[in-house]
């Protein structure tokens, strides 16, 4: 009951933030989620005996999310404040210099800080688990404002999240009903191959429905004032996107999401804890809720840049 009640509160908040929040506010919300997830990640690694460099990592996390916000100008411009030449130039500077400094300078900084660790045998593992926070949480969640700034980015992100959520629901209920063959008993004894297959099938079905009924979906979103009347989403034919591309997109997103779930389960199991936190009743912690999305977001970004974004405009 708590699980359903929490979802009933969180899902409308997520949808409102996706469609109505200005990009700067949306990025701040993403940063808040990243900080909560980072706190839970540090709890997991400390339970395994590591000593992460928390303050330094929070600073690097803030810089990575800020860089993703600026990069959104460079790639797509800002929908509610058209980019000028000056913002394009500054964004390109951040893209070519700022992000590499965080990505490549971060681990070097952590290694230097680790020189003070006693015993020295803990220097490398402490620096390594600290830096892992950036690609695991910072860079992945940083994709959210970047895609949000894209053409029909809010709708694209909603579709991506629905694929993740529906796949998770299918795996949960089918796995509980008929799951007999363990998927990864050493990592997550409760997951089954039946549930995993149901998750893929569910994602494919939901993906086909979403992309083929994009026009009425967009019309419904306009009717409740989530999409502006002049937004182009869903204004074209029902779908020009080939079926194979929709299926491939759904499969890749779903498999990535399931891998993200397994990875976090492995981290928790290694630390001997059940949930990453207790912030969300019935769901555990923030990291428990976004673990699948962390792996699905890079897949969504690749598909969007590779051409799905262009096809998405034709919906």
C-alpha atoms as a PDB file:
ATOM      1  CA  UNK A   1       0.000   0.000   0.000  1.00  0.00           C
ATOM      2  CA  UNK A   2       2.851   2.391   0.867  1.00  0.00           C
ATOM      3  CA  UNK A   3       4.490   1.590  -2.474  1.00  0.00           C
ATOM      4  CA  UNK A   4       1.374   2.583  -4.430  1.00  0.00           C
ATOM      5  CA  UNK A   5       0.744   5.700  -2.334  1.00  0.00           C
ATOM      6  CA  UNK A   6       4.310   6.927  -2.781  1.00  0.00           C
ATOM      7  CA  UNK A   7       4.142   6.350  -6.535  1.00  0.00           C
ATOM      8  CA  UNK A   8       0.804   8.163  -6.725  1.00  0.00           C
ATOM      9  CA  UNK A   9       2.449  11.231  -5.169  1.00  0.00           C
ATOM     10  CA  UNK A  10       5.784  11.119  -6.990  1.00  0.00           C
ATOM     11  CA  UNK A  11       4.637  10.466 -10.572  1.00  0.00           C
ATOM     12  CA  UNK A  12       2.514  13.657 -10.904  1.00  0.00           C
ATOM     13  CA  UNK A  13       5.370  15.677  -9.396  1.00  0.00           C
ATOM     14  CA  UNK A  14       7.817  14.229 -11.922  1.00  0.00           C
ATOM     15  CA  UNK A  15       5.445  14.958 -14.830  1.00  0.00           C
ATOM     16  CA  UNK A  16       4.851  18.528 -13.675  1.00  0.00           C
ATOM     17  CA  UNK A  17       8.589  19.119 -13.339  1.00  0.00           C
ATOM     18  CA  UNK A  18       9.195  17.666 -16.800  1.00  0.00           C
ATOM     19  CA  UNK A  19       6.676  19.853 -18.608  1.00  0.00           C
ATOM     20  CA  UNK A  20       6.211  22.993 -16.538  1.00  0.00           C
ATOM     21  CA  UNK A  21       9.433  23.769 -14.659  1.00  0.00           C
ATOM     22  CA  UNK A  22      11.854  26.220 -16.321  1.00  0.00           C
ATOM     23  CA  UNK A  23      15.099  24.570 -17.349  1.00  0.00           C
ATOM     24  CA  UNK A  24      17.064  26.191 -14.503  1.00  0.00           C
ATOM     25  CA  UNK A  25      14.566  24.965 -11.902  1.00  0.00           C
ATOM     26  CA  UNK A  26      14.431  21.518 -13.493  1.00  0.00           C
ATOM     27  CA  UNK A  27      18.233  21.345 -13.294  1.00  0.00           C
ATOM     28  CA  UNK A  28      18.147  22.349  -9.606  1.00  0.00           C
ATOM     29  CA  UNK A  29      15.643  19.564  -8.932  1.00  0.00           C
ATOM     30  CA  UNK A  30      17.903  17.101 -10.743  1.00  0.00           C
ATOM     31  CA  UNK A  31      20.845  18.301  -8.638  1.00  0.00           C
ATOM     32  CA  UNK A  32      18.790  17.772  -5.466  1.00  0.00           C
ATOM     33  CA  UNK A  33      18.046  14.194  -6.528  1.00  0.00           C
ATOM     34  CA  UNK A  34      21.726  13.700  -7.359  1.00  0.00           C
ATOM     35  CA  UNK A  35      22.767  14.887  -3.887  1.00  0.00           C
ATOM     36  CA  UNK A  36      20.315  12.502  -2.199  1.00  0.00           C
ATOM     37  CA  UNK A  37      21.484   9.623  -4.397  1.00  0.00           C
ATOM     38  CA  UNK A  38      25.113  10.511  -3.666  1.00  0.00           C
ATOM     39  CA  UNK A  39      24.426  10.477   0.080  1.00  0.00           C
ATOM     40  CA  UNK A  40      22.955   6.981  -0.212  1.00  0.00           C
ATOM     41  CA  UNK A  41      25.835   5.844  -2.431  1.00  0.00           C
ATOM     42  CA  UNK A  42      28.323   7.016   0.187  1.00  0.00           C
ATOM     43  CA  UNK A  43      26.364   5.069   2.812  1.00  0.00           C
ATOM     44  CA  UNK A  44      26.712   1.915   0.708  1.00  0.00           C
ATOM     45  CA  UNK A  45      30.449   2.267   0.112  1.00  0.00           C
ATOM     46  CA  UNK A  46      31.138   3.174   3.750  1.00  0.00           C
ATOM     47  CA  UNK A  47      29.244   0.034   4.819  1.00  0.00           C
ATOM     48  CA  UNK A  48      31.823  -1.889   2.769  1.00  0.00           C
ATOM     49  CA  UNK A  49      34.697  -0.297   4.643  1.00  0.00           C
ATOM     50  CA  UNK A  50      35.668   2.480   2.213  1.00  0.00           C
ATOM     51  CA  UNK A  51      36.174   6.125   3.174  1.00  0.00           C
ATOM     52  CA  UNK A  52      34.995   8.297   0.281  1.00  0.00           C
ATOM     53  CA  UNK A  53      36.024  11.928  -0.147  1.00  0.00           C
ATOM     54  CA  UNK A  54      32.505  13.217   0.314  1.00  0.00           C
ATOM     55  CA  UNK A  55      32.958  16.997   0.264  1.00  0.00           C
ATOM     56  CA  UNK A  56      35.171  16.899  -2.833  1.00  0.00           C
ATOM     57  CA  UNK A  57      32.694  14.596  -4.563  1.00  0.00           C
ATOM     58  CA  UNK A  58      29.756  16.891  -3.807  1.00  0.00           C
ATOM     59  CA  UNK A  59      31.670  19.788  -5.361  1.00  0.00           C
ATOM     60  CA  UNK A  60      32.501  17.727  -8.458  1.00  0.00           C
ATOM     61  CA  UNK A  61      28.885  16.551  -8.615  1.00  0.00           C
ATOM     62  CA  UNK A  62      27.660  20.156  -8.582  1.00  0.00           C
ATOM     63  CA  UNK A  63      30.117  21.087 -11.326  1.00  0.00           C
ATOM     64  CA  UNK A  64      29.043  18.133 -13.492  1.00  0.00           C
ATOM     65  CA  UNK A  65      25.328  18.991 -13.222  1.00  0.00           C
ATOM     66  CA  UNK A  66      26.073  22.673 -13.865  1.00  0.00           C
ATOM     67  CA  UNK A  67      28.094  21.684 -16.932  1.00  0.00           C
ATOM     68  CA  UNK A  68      25.198  19.610 -18.243  1.00  0.00           C
ATOM     69  CA  UNK A  69      22.916  22.628 -17.874  1.00  0.00           C
ATOM     70  CA  UNK A  70      25.262  24.840 -19.874  1.00  0.00           C
ATOM     71  CA  UNK A  71      25.880  22.098 -22.443  1.00  0.00           C
ATOM     72  CA  UNK A  72      22.139  21.989 -23.128  1.00  0.00           C
ATOM     73  CA  UNK A  73      22.529  25.455 -24.663  1.00  0.00           C
ATOM     74  CA  UNK A  74      25.356  24.263 -26.881  1.00  0.00           C
ATOM     75  CA  UNK A  75      23.469  21.246 -28.207  1.00  0.00           C
ATOM     76  CA  UNK A  76      19.874  22.365 -28.271  1.00  0.00           C
ATOM     77  CA  UNK A  77      19.471  25.891 -26.970  1.00  0.00           C
ATOM     78  CA  UNK A  78      17.007  26.663 -24.169  1.00  0.00           C
ATOM     79  CA  UNK A  79      13.333  26.384 -25.104  1.00  0.00           C
ATOM     80  CA  UNK A  80      12.108  29.151 -22.797  1.00  0.00           C
ATOM     81  CA  UNK A  81      15.012  31.541 -23.509  1.00  0.00           C
ATOM     82  CA  UNK A  82      16.429  31.285 -27.047  1.00  0.00           C
ATOM     83  CA  UNK A  83      20.193  31.113 -26.966  1.00  0.00           C
ATOM     84  CA  UNK A  84      22.263  34.011 -28.237  1.00  0.00           C
ATOM     85  CA  UNK A  85      25.707  33.933 -29.772  1.00  0.00           C
ATOM     86  CA  UNK A  86      27.254  34.754 -26.379  1.00  0.00           C
ATOM     87  CA  UNK A  87      25.526  31.864 -24.619  1.00  0.00           C
ATOM     88  CA  UNK A  88      26.468  29.524 -27.464  1.00  0.00           C
ATOM     89  CA  UNK A  89      30.105  30.535 -27.173  1.00  0.00           C
ATOM     90  CA  UNK A  90      30.170  30.205 -23.374  1.00  0.00           C
ATOM     91  CA  UNK A  91      28.396  26.855 -23.582  1.00  0.00           C
ATOM     92  CA  UNK A  92      30.900  25.572 -26.133  1.00  0.00           C
ATOM     93  CA  UNK A  93      33.747  26.612 -23.820  1.00  0.00           C
ATOM     94  CA  UNK A  94      32.179  24.622 -20.971  1.00  0.00           C
ATOM     95  CA  UNK A  95      31.627  21.653 -23.276  1.00  0.00           C
ATOM     96  CA  UNK A  96      35.187  21.526 -24.593  1.00  0.00           C
ATOM     97  CA  UNK A  97      37.005  22.583 -21.393  1.00  0.00           C
ATOM     98  CA  UNK A  98      34.747  22.518 -18.330  1.00  0.00           C
ATOM     99  CA  UNK A  99      33.381  18.982 -18.608  1.00  0.00           C
ATOM    100  CA  UNK A 100      36.768  17.396 -19.444  1.00  0.00           C
ATOM    101  CA  UNK A 101      38.253  19.133 -16.401  1.00  0.00           C
ATOM    102  CA  UNK A 102      35.618  17.517 -14.179  1.00  0.00           C
ATOM    103  CA  UNK A 103      35.796  14.145 -15.939  1.00  0.00           C
ATOM    104  CA  UNK A 104      39.568  13.842 -16.177  1.00  0.00           C
ATOM    105  CA  UNK A 105      40.756  16.241 -13.491  1.00  0.00           C
ATOM    106  CA  UNK A 106      38.390  14.784 -10.873  1.00  0.00           C
ATOM    107  CA  UNK A 107      40.131  11.410 -10.521  1.00  0.00           C
ATOM    108  CA  UNK A 108      43.558  13.058 -10.484  1.00  0.00           C
ATOM    109  CA  UNK A 109      42.450  15.382  -7.690  1.00  0.00           C
ATOM    110  CA  UNK A 110      41.066  12.478  -5.702  1.00  0.00           C
ATOM    111  CA  UNK A 111      44.309  10.534  -6.138  1.00  0.00           C
ATOM    112  CA  UNK A 112      46.263  13.517  -4.815  1.00  0.00           C
ATOM    113  CA  UNK A 113      43.937  13.797  -1.814  1.00  0.00           C
ATOM    114  CA  UNK A 114      44.325  10.071  -1.232  1.00  0.00           C
ATOM    115  CA  UNK A 115      48.051  10.541  -0.565  1.00  0.00           C
ATOM    116  CA  UNK A 116      47.140  11.511   3.007  1.00  0.00           C
ATOM    117  CA  UNK A 117      45.266   8.272   3.677  1.00  0.00           C
ATOM    118  CA  UNK A 118      46.514   5.862   6.310  1.00  0.00           C
ATOM    119  CA  UNK A 119      47.216   3.103   5.565  1.00  0.00           C
ATOM    120  CA  UNK A 120      48.403   3.842   2.036  1.00  0.00           C
ATOM    121  CA  UNK A 121      46.842   0.590   0.854  1.00  0.00           C
ATOM    122  CA  UNK A 122      43.445   2.333   1.130  1.00  0.00           C
ATOM    123  CA  UNK A 123      44.414   5.329  -1.023  1.00  0.00           C
ATOM    124  CA  UNK A 124      43.567   3.842  -4.407  1.00  0.00           C
ATOM    125  CA  UNK A 125      40.269   2.114  -3.475  1.00  0.00           C
ATOM    126  CA  UNK A 126      38.999   5.178  -1.599  1.00  0.00           C
ATOM    127  CA  UNK A 127      39.803   7.450  -4.551  1.00  0.00           C
ATOM    128  CA  UNK A 128      38.269   4.958  -6.993  1.00  0.00           C
ATOM    129  CA  UNK A 129      34.944   4.531  -5.194  1.00  0.00           C
ATOM    130  CA  UNK A 130      34.752   8.295  -4.741  1.00  0.00           C
ATOM    131  CA  UNK A 131      35.216   9.041  -8.428  1.00  0.00           C
ATOM    132  CA  UNK A 132      32.740   6.348  -9.436  1.00  0.00           C
ATOM    133  CA  UNK A 133      29.985   8.600  -8.097  1.00  0.00           C
ATOM    134  CA  UNK A 134      30.459  10.995 -11.027  1.00  0.00           C
ATOM    135  CA  UNK A 135      29.791   8.633 -13.955  1.00  0.00           C
ATOM    136  CA  UNK A 136      27.292   6.587 -11.945  1.00  0.00           C
ATOM    137  CA  UNK A 137      25.150   9.473 -10.663  1.00  0.00           C
ATOM    138  CA  UNK A 138      26.468  12.843 -11.848  1.00  0.00           C
ATOM    139  CA  UNK A 139      27.011  12.309 -15.567  1.00  0.00           C
ATOM    140  CA  UNK A 140      23.940  10.112 -16.000  1.00  0.00           C
ATOM    141  CA  UNK A 141      21.493  12.406 -14.199  1.00  0.00           C
ATOM    142  CA  UNK A 142      23.134  15.310 -16.034  1.00  0.00           C
ATOM    143  CA  UNK A 143      21.581  13.883 -19.199  1.00  0.00           C
ATOM    144  CA  UNK A 144      18.140  14.897 -17.889  1.00  0.00           C
ATOM    145  CA  UNK A 145      18.497  18.678 -18.366  1.00  0.00           C
ATOM    146  CA  UNK A 146      20.304  18.129 -21.670  1.00  0.00           C
ATOM    147  CA  UNK A 147      17.454  16.056 -23.106  1.00  0.00           C
ATOM    148  CA  UNK A 148      14.879  18.285 -21.426  1.00  0.00           C
ATOM    149  CA  UNK A 149      16.237  21.224 -23.450  1.00  0.00           C
ATOM    150  CA  UNK A 150      15.917  19.293 -26.722  1.00  0.00           C
ATOM    151  CA  UNK A 151      13.025  19.594 -29.139  1.00  0.00           C
ATOM    152  CA  UNK A 152      10.051  17.899 -27.439  1.00  0.00           C
ATOM    153  CA  UNK A 153      12.549  16.782 -24.814  1.00  0.00           C
ATOM    154  CA  UNK A 154       9.989  16.635 -22.018  1.00  0.00           C
ATOM    155  CA  UNK A 155       7.771  14.283 -24.011  1.00  0.00           C
ATOM    156  CA  UNK A 156      10.770  12.175 -25.034  1.00  0.00           C
ATOM    157  CA  UNK A 157      11.872  11.853 -21.402  1.00  0.00           C
ATOM    158  CA  UNK A 158       8.337  10.933 -20.368  1.00  0.00           C
ATOM    159  CA  UNK A 159       8.308   8.132 -22.956  1.00  0.00           C
ATOM    160  CA  UNK A 160      11.717   6.950 -21.745  1.00  0.00           C
ATOM    161  CA  UNK A 161      10.590   6.918 -18.116  1.00  0.00           C
ATOM    162  CA  UNK A 162       7.363   5.114 -18.986  1.00  0.00           C
ATOM    163  CA  UNK A 163       9.364   2.379 -20.701  1.00  0.00           C
ATOM    164  CA  UNK A 164      11.468   1.980 -17.553  1.00  0.00           C
ATOM    165  CA  UNK A 165       8.520   2.093 -15.158  1.00  0.00           C
ATOM    166  CA  UNK A 166       6.273  -0.249 -17.141  1.00  0.00           C
ATOM    167  CA  UNK A 167       9.092  -2.732 -17.640  1.00  0.00           C
ATOM    168  CA  UNK A 168       9.735  -2.708 -13.904  1.00  0.00           C
ATOM    169  CA  UNK A 169       6.042  -3.256 -13.137  1.00  0.00           C
ATOM    170  CA  UNK A 170       5.815  -6.162 -15.607  1.00  0.00           C
ATOM    171  CA  UNK A 171       8.909  -7.811 -14.132  1.00  0.00           C
ATOM    172  CA  UNK A 172       7.604  -7.407 -10.581  1.00  0.00           C
ATOM    173  CA  UNK A 173       4.150  -8.885 -11.089  1.00  0.00           C
ATOM    174  CA  UNK A 174       5.020 -11.604 -13.606  1.00  0.00           C
ATOM    175  CA  UNK A 175       8.060 -12.596 -11.568  1.00  0.00           C
ATOM    176  CA  UNK A 176       5.956 -12.925  -8.431  1.00  0.00           C
ATOM    177  CA  UNK A 177       3.255 -14.899 -10.256  1.00  0.00           C
ATOM    178  CA  UNK A 178       5.234 -17.396 -12.342  1.00  0.00           C
ATOM    179  CA  UNK A 179       8.919 -16.701 -11.735  1.00  0.00           C
ATOM    180  CA  UNK A 180      10.798 -19.963 -11.184  1.00  0.00           C
ATOM    181  CA  UNK A 181      14.180 -19.616 -12.881  1.00  0.00           C
ATOM    182  CA  UNK A 182      16.533 -17.277 -11.001  1.00  0.00           C
ATOM    183  CA  UNK A 183      18.067 -14.514 -13.089  1.00  0.00           C
ATOM    184  CA  UNK A 184      21.004 -13.620 -10.834  1.00  0.00           C
ATOM    185  CA  UNK A 185      20.661 -15.443  -7.493  1.00  0.00           C
ATOM    186  CA  UNK A 186      24.033 -14.231  -6.197  1.00  0.00           C
ATOM    187  CA  UNK A 187      23.080 -10.602  -6.798  1.00  0.00           C
ATOM    188  CA  UNK A 188      19.291 -10.469  -6.444  1.00  0.00           C
ATOM    189  CA  UNK A 189      17.577 -13.741  -5.464  1.00  0.00           C
ATOM    190  CA  UNK A 190      14.095 -12.321  -6.069  1.00  0.00           C
ATOM    191  CA  UNK A 191      14.571 -11.659  -9.791  1.00  0.00           C
ATOM    192  CA  UNK A 192      13.667 -14.321 -12.330  1.00  0.00           C
ATOM    193  CA  UNK A 193      14.138 -14.916 -16.050  1.00  0.00           C
ATOM    194  CA  UNK A 194      10.359 -14.964 -16.432  1.00  0.00           C
ATOM    195  CA  UNK A 195      10.160 -11.489 -14.927  1.00  0.00           C
ATOM    196  CA  UNK A 196      13.050 -10.219 -17.055  1.00  0.00           C
ATOM    197  CA  UNK A 197      11.449 -11.491 -20.265  1.00  0.00           C
ATOM    198  CA  UNK A 198       8.091 -10.026 -19.246  1.00  0.00           C
ATOM    199  CA  UNK A 199       9.851  -6.723 -18.641  1.00  0.00           C
ATOM    200  CA  UNK A 200      11.267  -6.676 -22.175  1.00  0.00           C
ATOM    201  CA  UNK A 201       7.940  -7.656 -23.721  1.00  0.00           C
ATOM    202  CA  UNK A 202       6.098  -5.058 -21.648  1.00  0.00           C
ATOM    203  CA  UNK A 203       8.542  -2.340 -22.704  1.00  0.00           C
ATOM    204  CA  UNK A 204       8.114  -3.272 -26.374  1.00  0.00           C
ATOM    205  CA  UNK A 205       4.309  -3.158 -26.135  1.00  0.00           C
ATOM    206  CA  UNK A 206       4.356   0.162 -24.275  1.00  0.00           C
ATOM    207  CA  UNK A 207       6.878   1.597 -26.748  1.00  0.00           C
ATOM    208  CA  UNK A 208       4.736   0.670 -29.752  1.00  0.00           C
ATOM    209  CA  UNK A 209       1.629   2.114 -28.125  1.00  0.00           C
ATOM    210  CA  UNK A 210       3.358   5.349 -27.122  1.00  0.00           C
ATOM    211  CA  UNK A 211       4.924   6.096 -30.497  1.00  0.00           C
ATOM    212  CA  UNK A 212       1.893   5.056 -32.547  1.00  0.00           C
ATOM    213  CA  UNK A 213      -0.542   7.043 -30.421  1.00  0.00           C
ATOM    214  CA  UNK A 214       1.666  10.075 -29.923  1.00  0.00           C
ATOM    215  CA  UNK A 215      -0.896  12.422 -31.506  1.00  0.00           C
ATOM    216  CA  UNK A 216      -3.736  11.693 -29.037  1.00  0.00           C
ATOM    217  CA  UNK A 217      -1.230  11.606 -26.173  1.00  0.00           C
ATOM    218  CA  UNK A 218       0.008  15.075 -27.133  1.00  0.00           C
ATOM    219  CA  UNK A 219      -3.581  16.281 -27.504  1.00  0.00           C
ATOM    220  CA  UNK A 220      -4.378  15.025 -23.993  1.00  0.00           C
ATOM    221  CA  UNK A 221      -1.307  16.760 -22.603  1.00  0.00           C
ATOM    222  CA  UNK A 222      -2.412  19.981 -24.292  1.00  0.00           C
ATOM    223  CA  UNK A 223      -5.896  19.645 -22.865  1.00  0.00           C
ATOM    224  CA  UNK A 224      -4.485  19.591 -19.342  1.00  0.00           C
ATOM    225  CA  UNK A 225      -2.064  22.430 -20.195  1.00  0.00           C
ATOM    226  CA  UNK A 226       1.139  20.414 -19.921  1.00  0.00           C
ATOM    227  CA  UNK A 227       1.968  21.025 -23.588  1.00  0.00           C
ATOM    228  CA  UNK A 228       1.573  24.474 -25.106  1.00  0.00           C
ATOM    229  CA  UNK A 229      -0.891  24.773 -28.028  1.00  0.00           C
ATOM    230  CA  UNK A 230       1.917  25.638 -30.417  1.00  0.00           C
ATOM    231  CA  UNK A 231       4.092  22.651 -29.500  1.00  0.00           C
ATOM    232  CA  UNK A 232       4.624  20.409 -32.494  1.00  0.00           C
ATOM    233  CA  UNK A 233       4.600  17.098 -30.655  1.00  0.00           C
ATOM    234  CA  UNK A 234       1.988  14.794 -32.075  1.00  0.00           C
ATOM    235  CA  UNK A 235       0.871  17.239 -34.751  1.00  0.00           C
ATOM    236  CA  UNK A 236       1.950  15.043 -37.661  1.00  0.00           C
ATOM    237  CA  UNK A 237       0.779  11.600 -38.795  1.00  0.00           C
ATOM    238  CA  UNK A 238       0.404   8.871 -36.145  1.00  0.00           C
ATOM    239  CA  UNK A 239       3.983   7.689 -36.689  1.00  0.00           C
ATOM    240  CA  UNK A 240       6.638   7.725 -39.377  1.00  0.00           C
ATOM    241  CA  UNK A 241       9.032   5.759 -37.255  1.00  0.00           C
ATOM    242  CA  UNK A 242       9.713   2.204 -38.454  1.00  0.00           C
ATOM    243  CA  UNK A 243       8.516  -0.545 -36.177  1.00  0.00           C
ATOM    244  CA  UNK A 244      11.969  -2.104 -35.929  1.00  0.00           C
ATOM    245  CA  UNK A 245      13.396   1.140 -34.560  1.00  0.00           C
ATOM    246  CA  UNK A 246      10.699   1.418 -31.888  1.00  0.00           C
ATOM    247  CA  UNK A 247      11.287  -2.210 -30.864  1.00  0.00           C
ATOM    248  CA  UNK A 248      15.067  -1.757 -30.802  1.00  0.00           C
ATOM    249  CA  UNK A 249      14.743   1.407 -28.720  1.00  0.00           C
ATOM    250  CA  UNK A 250      12.414  -0.287 -26.221  1.00  0.00           C
ATOM    251  CA  UNK A 251      14.663  -3.358 -25.905  1.00  0.00           C
ATOM    252  CA  UNK A 252      17.857  -1.354 -25.412  1.00  0.00           C
ATOM    253  CA  UNK A 253      16.265   0.944 -22.832  1.00  0.00           C
ATOM    254  CA  UNK A 254      14.743  -2.009 -20.976  1.00  0.00           C
ATOM    255  CA  UNK A 255      17.915  -4.114 -20.921  1.00  0.00           C
ATOM    256  CA  UNK A 256      19.919  -1.118 -19.710  1.00  0.00           C
ATOM    257  CA  UNK A 257      17.327  -0.450 -16.998  1.00  0.00           C
ATOM    258  CA  UNK A 258      17.423  -4.062 -15.796  1.00  0.00           C
ATOM    259  CA  UNK A 259      21.218  -3.955 -15.698  1.00  0.00           C
ATOM    260  CA  UNK A 260      21.037  -0.756 -13.644  1.00  0.00           C
ATOM    261  CA  UNK A 261      18.725  -2.473 -11.186  1.00  0.00           C
ATOM    262  CA  UNK A 262      21.076  -5.460 -10.899  1.00  0.00           C
ATOM    263  CA  UNK A 263      24.127  -3.248 -10.407  1.00  0.00           C
ATOM    264  CA  UNK A 264      22.561  -1.408  -7.492  1.00  0.00           C
ATOM    265  CA  UNK A 265      21.375  -4.706  -6.026  1.00  0.00           C
ATOM    266  CA  UNK A 266      24.973  -5.964  -6.186  1.00  0.00           C
ATOM    267  CA  UNK A 267      26.234  -2.821  -4.425  1.00  0.00           C
ATOM    268  CA  UNK A 268      23.671  -3.202  -1.636  1.00  0.00           C
ATOM    269  CA  UNK A 269      24.235  -6.930  -1.278  1.00  0.00           C
ATOM    270  CA  UNK A 270      27.969  -6.381  -1.041  1.00  0.00           C
ATOM    271  CA  UNK A 271      27.336  -3.859   1.731  1.00  0.00           C
ATOM    272  CA  UNK A 272      24.881  -6.154   3.517  1.00  0.00           C
ATOM    273  CA  UNK A 273      21.943  -3.719   3.350  1.00  0.00           C
ATOM    274  CA  UNK A 274      18.441  -4.147   1.943  1.00  0.00           C
ATOM    275  CA  UNK A 275      17.614  -0.595   0.811  1.00  0.00           C
ATOM    276  CA  UNK A 276      19.845   2.355  -0.031  1.00  0.00           C
ATOM    277  CA  UNK A 277      17.709   4.578   2.224  1.00  0.00           C
ATOM    278  CA  UNK A 278      14.318   5.092   3.836  1.00  0.00           C
ATOM    279  CA  UNK A 279      13.240   8.374   2.299  1.00  0.00           C
ATOM    280  CA  UNK A 280      10.480   6.900   0.111  1.00  0.00           C
ATOM    281  CA  UNK A 281       7.979   4.703   1.996  1.00  0.00           C
ATOM    282  CA  UNK A 282       7.583   1.346   0.288  1.00  0.00           C
ATOM    283  CA  UNK A 283      10.379   2.103  -2.205  1.00  0.00           C
ATOM    284  CA  UNK A 284      13.460   2.462  -0.035  1.00  0.00           C
ATOM    285  CA  UNK A 285      15.823   5.254  -0.961  1.00  0.00           C
ATOM    286  CA  UNK A 286      16.225   7.603  -3.903  1.00  0.00           C
ATOM    287  CA  UNK A 287      18.941   5.403  -5.406  1.00  0.00           C
ATOM    288  CA  UNK A 288      16.548   2.447  -5.247  1.00  0.00           C
ATOM    289  CA  UNK A 289      14.095   4.392  -7.431  1.00  0.00           C
ATOM    290  CA  UNK A 290      16.501   5.780 -10.004  1.00  0.00           C
ATOM    291  CA  UNK A 291      18.931   2.854 -10.350  1.00  0.00           C
ATOM    292  CA  UNK A 292      17.294   1.653 -13.573  1.00  0.00           C
ATOM    293  CA  UNK A 293      16.985   5.192 -14.966  1.00  0.00           C
ATOM    294  CA  UNK A 294      20.701   5.837 -14.416  1.00  0.00           C
ATOM    295  CA  UNK A 295      21.537   3.170 -16.990  1.00  0.00           C
ATOM    296  CA  UNK A 296      18.607   3.939 -19.300  1.00  0.00           C
ATOM    297  CA  UNK A 297      19.364   7.655 -19.712  1.00  0.00           C
ATOM    298  CA  UNK A 298      22.653   7.221 -21.636  1.00  0.00           C
ATOM    299  CA  UNK A 299      20.845   4.831 -23.990  1.00  0.00           C
ATOM    300  CA  UNK A 300      18.096   7.397 -24.503  1.00  0.00           C
ATOM    301  CA  UNK A 301      20.644  10.113 -25.252  1.00  0.00           C
ATOM    302  CA  UNK A 302      22.466   7.938 -27.792  1.00  0.00           C
ATOM    303  CA  UNK A 303      19.227   7.103 -29.604  1.00  0.00           C
ATOM    304  CA  UNK A 304      18.124  10.736 -29.622  1.00  0.00           C
ATOM    305  CA  UNK A 305      21.397  12.014 -31.060  1.00  0.00           C
ATOM    306  CA  UNK A 306      21.712   9.092 -33.474  1.00  0.00           C
ATOM    307  CA  UNK A 307      18.428   9.996 -35.169  1.00  0.00           C
ATOM    308  CA  UNK A 308      15.495   9.167 -32.956  1.00  0.00           C
ATOM    309  CA  UNK A 309      15.215  12.852 -32.113  1.00  0.00           C
ATOM    310  CA  UNK A 310      14.720  13.628 -35.804  1.00  0.00           C
ATOM    311  CA  UNK A 311      12.125  10.878 -36.166  1.00  0.00           C
ATOM    312  CA  UNK A 312      10.495  12.051 -32.950  1.00  0.00           C
ATOM    313  CA  UNK A 313       9.831  15.450 -34.552  1.00  0.00           C
ATOM    314  CA  UNK A 314       7.890  13.706 -37.289  1.00  0.00           C
ATOM    315  CA  UNK A 315       5.423  12.127 -34.901  1.00  0.00           C
END
